[in-house]
Protein backbone atom coordinates (compact mmCIF):
# COMPACT_ATOMS: atom_id res chain seq x y z
CA UNK A 1 0.00 0.00 0.00
CA UNK A 2 2.82 2.41 0.89
CA UNK A 3 4.56 1.90 -2.46
CA UNK A 4 1.31 2.66 -4.28
CA UNK A 5 0.87 5.90 -2.29
CA UNK A 6 4.50 6.86 -2.97
CA UNK A 7 3.98 6.28 -6.70
CA UNK A 8 0.82 8.40 -6.79
CA UNK A 9 2.50 11.13 -4.75
CA UNK A 10 5.42 11.26 -7.19
CA UNK A 11 3.01 11.15 -10.13
CA UNK A 12 1.02 14.09 -8.71
CA UNK A 13 4.22 16.05 -8.04
CA UNK A 14 5.40 15.44 -11.61
CA UNK A 15 2.05 16.60 -13.00
CA UNK A 16 2.12 19.69 -10.78
CA UNK A 17 5.65 20.47 -11.94
CA UNK A 18 4.51 20.37 -15.58
CA UNK A 19 1.51 22.70 -15.13
CA UNK A 20 1.90 26.26 -16.34
CA UNK A 21 -0.05 29.22 -14.99
CA UNK A 22 0.00 32.78 -16.35
CA UNK A 23 2.05 35.20 -14.26
CA UNK A 24 0.68 38.75 -14.18
CA UNK A 25 3.35 41.47 -14.62
CA UNK A 26 2.84 42.83 -11.08
CA UNK A 27 3.42 39.36 -9.58
CA UNK A 28 6.58 38.91 -11.66
CA UNK A 29 7.76 42.37 -10.53
CA UNK A 30 7.14 41.50 -6.85
CA UNK A 31 9.02 38.20 -7.12
CA UNK A 32 11.78 39.93 -9.08
CA UNK A 33 12.22 42.53 -6.33
CA UNK A 34 12.21 39.86 -3.61
CA UNK A 35 14.79 37.85 -5.57
CA UNK A 36 16.95 40.93 -6.10
CA UNK A 37 16.99 41.85 -2.41
CA UNK A 38 17.50 38.23 -1.35
CA UNK A 39 20.42 37.91 -3.76
CA UNK A 40 22.01 41.13 -2.50
CA UNK A 41 21.70 40.08 1.13
CA UNK A 42 23.09 36.60 0.34
CA UNK A 43 26.09 38.17 -1.38
CA UNK A 44 26.67 40.48 1.61
CA UNK A 45 26.34 37.58 4.09
CA UNK A 46 28.83 35.48 2.14
CA UNK A 47 31.19 38.44 1.76
CA UNK A 48 31.19 38.75 5.56
CA UNK A 49 31.84 35.01 5.95
CA UNK A 50 34.59 35.13 3.32
CA UNK A 51 36.23 38.07 5.08
CA UNK A 52 36.24 36.17 8.39
CA UNK A 53 37.93 33.27 6.57
CA UNK A 54 40.48 35.60 4.99
CA UNK A 55 39.06 35.05 1.49
CA UNK A 56 37.37 37.10 -1.19
CA UNK A 57 33.73 36.39 -1.97
CA UNK A 58 34.71 34.72 -5.24
CA UNK A 59 37.33 32.54 -3.55
CA UNK A 60 34.84 31.54 -0.85
CA UNK A 61 32.14 30.50 -3.32
CA UNK A 62 34.67 28.69 -5.55
CA UNK A 63 35.78 26.74 -2.47
CA UNK A 64 32.14 25.99 -1.66
CA UNK A 65 31.44 24.67 -5.16
CA UNK A 66 34.65 22.64 -5.27
CA UNK A 67 34.03 21.17 -1.82
CA UNK A 68 30.72 19.69 -3.03
CA UNK A 69 32.50 17.62 -5.68
CA UNK A 70 33.37 13.97 -5.23
CA UNK A 71 37.12 14.21 -4.89
CA UNK A 72 39.86 16.39 -6.36
CA UNK A 73 39.12 18.57 -9.39
CA UNK A 74 41.11 20.00 -12.26
CA UNK A 75 41.36 23.77 -12.60
CA UNK A 76 39.32 23.40 -15.77
CA UNK A 77 36.50 21.70 -13.88
CA UNK A 78 36.55 24.46 -11.24
CA UNK A 79 36.30 26.97 -14.10
CA UNK A 80 33.24 25.11 -15.40
CA UNK A 81 31.62 25.00 -11.97
CA UNK A 82 32.20 28.68 -11.26
CA UNK A 83 31.83 30.17 -14.71
CA UNK A 84 35.24 31.84 -14.24
CA UNK A 85 38.00 31.84 -16.84
CA UNK A 86 40.82 29.33 -16.33
CA UNK A 87 43.18 32.27 -15.73
CA UNK A 88 40.96 33.61 -12.95
CA UNK A 89 40.67 30.12 -11.47
CA UNK A 90 44.46 29.84 -11.27
CA UNK A 91 44.47 32.95 -9.07
CA UNK A 92 41.63 31.55 -6.95
CA UNK A 93 43.49 28.27 -6.44
CA UNK A 94 46.70 30.12 -5.56
CA UNK A 95 44.89 32.16 -2.90
CA UNK A 96 43.00 29.14 -1.50
CA UNK A 97 46.27 27.19 -1.33
CA UNK A 98 48.04 30.03 0.51
CA UNK A 99 45.12 30.23 2.96
CA UNK A 100 45.36 26.49 3.65
CA UNK A 101 42.03 25.39 2.14
CA UNK A 102 43.33 23.39 -0.84
CA UNK A 103 46.48 21.81 -2.17
CA UNK A 104 47.62 20.83 -5.63
CA UNK A 105 48.28 17.12 -6.15
CA UNK A 106 49.31 15.00 -9.11
CA UNK A 107 46.65 12.79 -10.65
CA UNK A 108 47.52 9.18 -9.78
CA UNK A 109 46.23 8.05 -13.22
CA UNK A 110 48.00 10.73 -15.27
CA UNK A 111 51.04 12.31 -13.58
CA UNK A 112 50.97 15.20 -16.07
CA UNK A 113 47.61 16.33 -14.69
CA UNK A 114 47.39 18.51 -11.57
CA UNK A 115 44.33 18.25 -9.37
CA UNK A 116 43.04 20.55 -6.65
CA UNK A 117 42.25 18.72 -3.43
CA UNK A 118 40.11 20.29 -0.74
CA UNK A 119 41.78 19.98 2.65
CA UNK A 120 39.68 18.95 5.66
CA UNK A 121 37.76 21.95 6.95
CA UNK A 122 37.64 22.85 10.63
CA UNK A 123 33.90 22.40 11.21
CA UNK A 124 34.13 23.95 14.69
CA UNK A 125 35.60 27.09 13.15
CA UNK A 126 33.09 27.21 10.28
CA UNK A 127 29.87 26.34 12.12
CA UNK A 128 29.52 29.68 13.96
CA UNK A 129 29.85 31.53 10.66
CA UNK A 130 26.67 29.89 9.39
CA UNK A 131 24.66 29.58 12.63
CA UNK A 132 22.75 32.83 12.14
CA UNK A 133 21.72 31.80 8.61
CA UNK A 134 20.37 28.50 9.94
CA UNK A 135 18.61 30.31 12.80
CA UNK A 136 16.87 32.63 10.33
CA UNK A 137 15.93 29.69 8.11
CA UNK A 138 14.45 27.80 11.06
CA UNK A 139 12.54 30.89 12.24
CA UNK A 140 10.99 31.37 8.80
CA UNK A 141 10.20 27.68 8.22
CA UNK A 142 8.43 27.49 11.59
CA UNK A 143 5.85 29.90 10.13
CA UNK A 144 4.90 27.47 7.34
CA UNK A 145 3.02 24.19 7.51
CA UNK A 146 4.76 21.06 6.21
CA UNK A 147 2.63 21.26 3.03
CA UNK A 148 3.60 24.91 2.51
CA UNK A 149 7.26 24.03 3.03
CA UNK A 150 6.99 21.47 0.24
CA UNK A 151 5.73 24.18 -2.13
CA UNK A 152 8.50 26.58 -1.07
CA UNK A 153 11.09 23.82 -1.50
CA UNK A 154 9.71 22.95 -4.95
CA UNK A 155 9.92 26.62 -5.94
CA UNK A 156 13.50 26.93 -4.64
CA UNK A 157 14.64 23.73 -6.38
CA UNK A 158 13.11 24.84 -9.67
CA UNK A 159 14.79 28.25 -9.37
CA UNK A 160 18.14 26.58 -8.67
CA UNK A 161 17.75 24.22 -11.62
CA UNK A 162 17.00 27.04 -14.05
CA UNK A 163 19.61 29.42 -12.61
CA UNK A 164 22.27 26.69 -12.87
CA UNK A 165 21.32 26.24 -16.52
CA UNK A 166 21.41 30.00 -17.12
CA UNK A 167 24.59 30.84 -15.19
CA UNK A 168 26.63 27.67 -15.51
CA UNK A 169 25.22 26.28 -18.74
CA UNK A 170 24.11 23.06 -17.04
CA UNK A 171 21.47 20.86 -18.61
CA UNK A 172 18.03 22.04 -17.43
CA UNK A 173 16.69 18.49 -17.22
CA UNK A 174 19.35 17.45 -14.69
C-alpha atoms as a PDB file:
ATOM      1  CA  UNK A   1       0.000   0.000   0.000  1.00  0.00           C
ATOM      2  CA  UNK A   2       2.820   2.414   0.894  1.00  0.00           C
ATOM      3  CA  UNK A   3       4.560   1.902  -2.462  1.00  0.00           C
ATOM      4  CA  UNK A   4       1.311   2.664  -4.280  1.00  0.00           C
ATOM      5  CA  UNK A   5       0.872   5.899  -2.288  1.00  0.00           C
ATOM      6  CA  UNK A   6       4.499   6.860  -2.970  1.00  0.00           C
ATOM      7  CA  UNK A   7       3.976   6.281  -6.699  1.00  0.00           C
ATOM      8  CA  UNK A   8       0.819   8.398  -6.785  1.00  0.00           C
ATOM      9  CA  UNK A   9       2.498  11.126  -4.745  1.00  0.00           C
ATOM     10  CA  UNK A  10       5.416  11.256  -7.194  1.00  0.00           C
ATOM     11  CA  UNK A  11       3.011  11.153 -10.125  1.00  0.00           C
ATOM     12  CA  UNK A  12       1.021  14.092  -8.714  1.00  0.00           C
ATOM     13  CA  UNK A  13       4.221  16.053  -8.042  1.00  0.00           C
ATOM     14  CA  UNK A  14       5.405  15.441 -11.610  1.00  0.00           C
ATOM     15  CA  UNK A  15       2.050  16.600 -12.997  1.00  0.00           C
ATOM     16  CA  UNK A  16       2.115  19.687 -10.780  1.00  0.00           C
ATOM     17  CA  UNK A  17       5.649  20.465 -11.938  1.00  0.00           C
ATOM     18  CA  UNK A  18       4.505  20.366 -15.582  1.00  0.00           C
ATOM     19  CA  UNK A  19       1.513  22.695 -15.135  1.00  0.00           C
ATOM     20  CA  UNK A  20       1.896  26.258 -16.337  1.00  0.00           C
ATOM     21  CA  UNK A  21      -0.045  29.225 -14.988  1.00  0.00           C
ATOM     22  CA  UNK A  22       0.001  32.776 -16.350  1.00  0.00           C
ATOM     23  CA  UNK A  23       2.053  35.203 -14.258  1.00  0.00           C
ATOM     24  CA  UNK A  24       0.682  38.753 -14.182  1.00  0.00           C
ATOM     25  CA  UNK A  25       3.355  41.470 -14.618  1.00  0.00           C
ATOM     26  CA  UNK A  26       2.841  42.834 -11.085  1.00  0.00           C
ATOM     27  CA  UNK A  27       3.421  39.365  -9.580  1.00  0.00           C
ATOM     28  CA  UNK A  28       6.580  38.907 -11.656  1.00  0.00           C
ATOM     29  CA  UNK A  29       7.757  42.367 -10.530  1.00  0.00           C
ATOM     30  CA  UNK A  30       7.143  41.503  -6.847  1.00  0.00           C
ATOM     31  CA  UNK A  31       9.023  38.203  -7.116  1.00  0.00           C
ATOM     32  CA  UNK A  32      11.780  39.929  -9.075  1.00  0.00           C
ATOM     33  CA  UNK A  33      12.223  42.532  -6.327  1.00  0.00           C
ATOM     34  CA  UNK A  34      12.213  39.858  -3.609  1.00  0.00           C
ATOM     35  CA  UNK A  35      14.794  37.854  -5.570  1.00  0.00           C
ATOM     36  CA  UNK A  36      16.947  40.932  -6.100  1.00  0.00           C
ATOM     37  CA  UNK A  37      16.987  41.854  -2.414  1.00  0.00           C
ATOM     38  CA  UNK A  38      17.505  38.229  -1.348  1.00  0.00           C
ATOM     39  CA  UNK A  39      20.422  37.913  -3.760  1.00  0.00           C
ATOM     40  CA  UNK A  40      22.007  41.126  -2.501  1.00  0.00           C
ATOM     41  CA  UNK A  41      21.701  40.076   1.128  1.00  0.00           C
ATOM     42  CA  UNK A  42      23.092  36.601   0.343  1.00  0.00           C
ATOM     43  CA  UNK A  43      26.094  38.172  -1.384  1.00  0.00           C
ATOM     44  CA  UNK A  44      26.667  40.475   1.606  1.00  0.00           C
ATOM     45  CA  UNK A  45      26.341  37.584   4.093  1.00  0.00           C
ATOM     46  CA  UNK A  46      28.828  35.485   2.145  1.00  0.00           C
ATOM     47  CA  UNK A  47      31.190  38.437   1.758  1.00  0.00           C
ATOM     48  CA  UNK A  48      31.194  38.749   5.557  1.00  0.00           C
ATOM     49  CA  UNK A  49      31.839  35.009   5.945  1.00  0.00           C
ATOM     50  CA  UNK A  50      34.592  35.129   3.324  1.00  0.00           C
ATOM     51  CA  UNK A  51      36.233  38.068   5.076  1.00  0.00           C
ATOM     52  CA  UNK A  52      36.236  36.165   8.392  1.00  0.00           C
ATOM     53  CA  UNK A  53      37.926  33.272   6.573  1.00  0.00           C
ATOM     54  CA  UNK A  54      40.479  35.601   4.994  1.00  0.00           C
ATOM     55  CA  UNK A  55      39.061  35.054   1.489  1.00  0.00           C
ATOM     56  CA  UNK A  56      37.370  37.099  -1.190  1.00  0.00           C
ATOM     57  CA  UNK A  57      33.733  36.394  -1.965  1.00  0.00           C
ATOM     58  CA  UNK A  58      34.711  34.724  -5.243  1.00  0.00           C
ATOM     59  CA  UNK A  59      37.325  32.535  -3.554  1.00  0.00           C
ATOM     60  CA  UNK A  60      34.845  31.536  -0.847  1.00  0.00           C
ATOM     61  CA  UNK A  61      32.141  30.501  -3.320  1.00  0.00           C
ATOM     62  CA  UNK A  62      34.666  28.688  -5.550  1.00  0.00           C
ATOM     63  CA  UNK A  63      35.782  26.743  -2.466  1.00  0.00           C
ATOM     64  CA  UNK A  64      32.140  25.989  -1.656  1.00  0.00           C
ATOM     65  CA  UNK A  65      31.437  24.668  -5.156  1.00  0.00           C
ATOM     66  CA  UNK A  66      34.654  22.641  -5.269  1.00  0.00           C
ATOM     67  CA  UNK A  67      34.031  21.169  -1.821  1.00  0.00           C
ATOM     68  CA  UNK A  68      30.717  19.694  -3.033  1.00  0.00           C
ATOM     69  CA  UNK A  69      32.502  17.617  -5.676  1.00  0.00           C
ATOM     70  CA  UNK A  70      33.365  13.969  -5.230  1.00  0.00           C
ATOM     71  CA  UNK A  71      37.121  14.207  -4.892  1.00  0.00           C
ATOM     72  CA  UNK A  72      39.860  16.394  -6.360  1.00  0.00           C
ATOM     73  CA  UNK A  73      39.118  18.574  -9.394  1.00  0.00           C
ATOM     74  CA  UNK A  74      41.113  20.000 -12.262  1.00  0.00           C
ATOM     75  CA  UNK A  75      41.364  23.767 -12.598  1.00  0.00           C
ATOM     76  CA  UNK A  76      39.323  23.397 -15.770  1.00  0.00           C
ATOM     77  CA  UNK A  77      36.497  21.705 -13.877  1.00  0.00           C
ATOM     78  CA  UNK A  78      36.553  24.455 -11.240  1.00  0.00           C
ATOM     79  CA  UNK A  79      36.300  26.974 -14.102  1.00  0.00           C
ATOM     80  CA  UNK A  80      33.242  25.113 -15.402  1.00  0.00           C
ATOM     81  CA  UNK A  81      31.619  24.995 -11.969  1.00  0.00           C
ATOM     82  CA  UNK A  82      32.197  28.680 -11.261  1.00  0.00           C
ATOM     83  CA  UNK A  83      31.830  30.173 -14.709  1.00  0.00           C
ATOM     84  CA  UNK A  84      35.243  31.845 -14.244  1.00  0.00           C
ATOM     85  CA  UNK A  85      38.003  31.838 -16.836  1.00  0.00           C
ATOM     86  CA  UNK A  86      40.819  29.335 -16.330  1.00  0.00           C
ATOM     87  CA  UNK A  87      43.183  32.271 -15.725  1.00  0.00           C
ATOM     88  CA  UNK A  88      40.957  33.614 -12.947  1.00  0.00           C
ATOM     89  CA  UNK A  89      40.669  30.117 -11.466  1.00  0.00           C
ATOM     90  CA  UNK A  90      44.461  29.840 -11.272  1.00  0.00           C
ATOM     91  CA  UNK A  91      44.466  32.946  -9.065  1.00  0.00           C
ATOM     92  CA  UNK A  92      41.625  31.549  -6.947  1.00  0.00           C
ATOM     93  CA  UNK A  93      43.493  28.269  -6.445  1.00  0.00           C
ATOM     94  CA  UNK A  94      46.702  30.120  -5.565  1.00  0.00           C
ATOM     95  CA  UNK A  95      44.893  32.155  -2.895  1.00  0.00           C
ATOM     96  CA  UNK A  96      43.004  29.138  -1.504  1.00  0.00           C
ATOM     97  CA  UNK A  97      46.266  27.192  -1.332  1.00  0.00           C
ATOM     98  CA  UNK A  98      48.041  30.029   0.508  1.00  0.00           C
ATOM     99  CA  UNK A  99      45.115  30.235   2.958  1.00  0.00           C
ATOM    100  CA  UNK A 100      45.357  26.490   3.653  1.00  0.00           C
ATOM    101  CA  UNK A 101      42.029  25.389   2.142  1.00  0.00           C
ATOM    102  CA  UNK A 102      43.334  23.394  -0.843  1.00  0.00           C
ATOM    103  CA  UNK A 103      46.479  21.807  -2.171  1.00  0.00           C
ATOM    104  CA  UNK A 104      47.624  20.829  -5.628  1.00  0.00           C
ATOM    105  CA  UNK A 105      48.280  17.122  -6.151  1.00  0.00           C
ATOM    106  CA  UNK A 106      49.311  15.000  -9.115  1.00  0.00           C
ATOM    107  CA  UNK A 107      46.650  12.788 -10.652  1.00  0.00           C
ATOM    108  CA  UNK A 108      47.517   9.179  -9.781  1.00  0.00           C
ATOM    109  CA  UNK A 109      46.234   8.048 -13.216  1.00  0.00           C
ATOM    110  CA  UNK A 110      48.004  10.727 -15.271  1.00  0.00           C
ATOM    111  CA  UNK A 111      51.043  12.309 -13.576  1.00  0.00           C
ATOM    112  CA  UNK A 112      50.974  15.202 -16.067  1.00  0.00           C
ATOM    113  CA  UNK A 113      47.609  16.330 -14.687  1.00  0.00           C
ATOM    114  CA  UNK A 114      47.389  18.514 -11.574  1.00  0.00           C
ATOM    115  CA  UNK A 115      44.331  18.255  -9.368  1.00  0.00           C
ATOM    116  CA  UNK A 116      43.043  20.549  -6.648  1.00  0.00           C
ATOM    117  CA  UNK A 117      42.254  18.716  -3.429  1.00  0.00           C
ATOM    118  CA  UNK A 118      40.113  20.291  -0.740  1.00  0.00           C
ATOM    119  CA  UNK A 119      41.780  19.976   2.648  1.00  0.00           C
ATOM    120  CA  UNK A 120      39.678  18.954   5.660  1.00  0.00           C
ATOM    121  CA  UNK A 121      37.756  21.952   6.951  1.00  0.00           C
ATOM    122  CA  UNK A 122      37.636  22.845  10.627  1.00  0.00           C
ATOM    123  CA  UNK A 123      33.900  22.401  11.207  1.00  0.00           C
ATOM    124  CA  UNK A 124      34.126  23.946  14.687  1.00  0.00           C
ATOM    125  CA  UNK A 125      35.602  27.092  13.146  1.00  0.00           C
ATOM    126  CA  UNK A 126      33.091  27.210  10.278  1.00  0.00           C
ATOM    127  CA  UNK A 127      29.872  26.345  12.121  1.00  0.00           C
ATOM    128  CA  UNK A 128      29.523  29.677  13.964  1.00  0.00           C
ATOM    129  CA  UNK A 129      29.855  31.533  10.656  1.00  0.00           C
ATOM    130  CA  UNK A 130      26.666  29.890   9.392  1.00  0.00           C
ATOM    131  CA  UNK A 131      24.664  29.579  12.626  1.00  0.00           C
ATOM    132  CA  UNK A 132      22.753  32.832  12.136  1.00  0.00           C
ATOM    133  CA  UNK A 133      21.717  31.796   8.612  1.00  0.00           C
ATOM    134  CA  UNK A 134      20.368  28.501   9.943  1.00  0.00           C
ATOM    135  CA  UNK A 135      18.613  30.305  12.800  1.00  0.00           C
ATOM    136  CA  UNK A 136      16.869  32.631  10.329  1.00  0.00           C
ATOM    137  CA  UNK A 137      15.925  29.686   8.108  1.00  0.00           C
ATOM    138  CA  UNK A 138      14.452  27.796  11.056  1.00  0.00           C
ATOM    139  CA  UNK A 139      12.543  30.890  12.241  1.00  0.00           C
ATOM    140  CA  UNK A 140      10.990  31.370   8.802  1.00  0.00           C
ATOM    141  CA  UNK A 141      10.200  27.677   8.222  1.00  0.00           C
ATOM    142  CA  UNK A 142       8.433  27.495  11.590  1.00  0.00           C
ATOM    143  CA  UNK A 143       5.845  29.903  10.130  1.00  0.00           C
ATOM    144  CA  UNK A 144       4.902  27.472   7.336  1.00  0.00           C
ATOM    145  CA  UNK A 145       3.024  24.191   7.513  1.00  0.00           C
ATOM    146  CA  UNK A 146       4.760  21.063   6.205  1.00  0.00           C
ATOM    147  CA  UNK A 147       2.634  21.255   3.031  1.00  0.00           C
ATOM    148  CA  UNK A 148       3.599  24.909   2.508  1.00  0.00           C
ATOM    149  CA  UNK A 149       7.255  24.032   3.033  1.00  0.00           C
ATOM    150  CA  UNK A 150       6.993  21.469   0.243  1.00  0.00           C
ATOM    151  CA  UNK A 151       5.734  24.183  -2.125  1.00  0.00           C
ATOM    152  CA  UNK A 152       8.497  26.578  -1.065  1.00  0.00           C
ATOM    153  CA  UNK A 153      11.091  23.821  -1.497  1.00  0.00           C
ATOM    154  CA  UNK A 154       9.710  22.951  -4.953  1.00  0.00           C
ATOM    155  CA  UNK A 155       9.924  26.623  -5.940  1.00  0.00           C
ATOM    156  CA  UNK A 156      13.497  26.932  -4.644  1.00  0.00           C
ATOM    157  CA  UNK A 157      14.645  23.729  -6.375  1.00  0.00           C
ATOM    158  CA  UNK A 158      13.108  24.836  -9.669  1.00  0.00           C
ATOM    159  CA  UNK A 159      14.793  28.249  -9.367  1.00  0.00           C
ATOM    160  CA  UNK A 160      18.142  26.579  -8.668  1.00  0.00           C
ATOM    161  CA  UNK A 161      17.754  24.224 -11.621  1.00  0.00           C
ATOM    162  CA  UNK A 162      17.004  27.044 -14.054  1.00  0.00           C
ATOM    163  CA  UNK A 163      19.611  29.424 -12.609  1.00  0.00           C
ATOM    164  CA  UNK A 164      22.268  26.685 -12.869  1.00  0.00           C
ATOM    165  CA  UNK A 165      21.324  26.242 -16.516  1.00  0.00           C
ATOM    166  CA  UNK A 166      21.406  29.999 -17.123  1.00  0.00           C
ATOM    167  CA  UNK A 167      24.589  30.839 -15.188  1.00  0.00           C
ATOM    168  CA  UNK A 168      26.628  27.665 -15.507  1.00  0.00           C
ATOM    169  CA  UNK A 169      25.223  26.279 -18.744  1.00  0.00           C
ATOM    170  CA  UNK A 170      24.110  23.062 -17.042  1.00  0.00           C
ATOM    171  CA  UNK A 171      21.467  20.860 -18.612  1.00  0.00           C
ATOM    172  CA  UNK A 172      18.030  22.038 -17.425  1.00  0.00           C
ATOM    173  CA  UNK A 173      16.687  18.491 -17.223  1.00  0.00           C
ATOM    174  CA  UNK A 174      19.348  17.448 -14.687  1.00  0.00           C
END
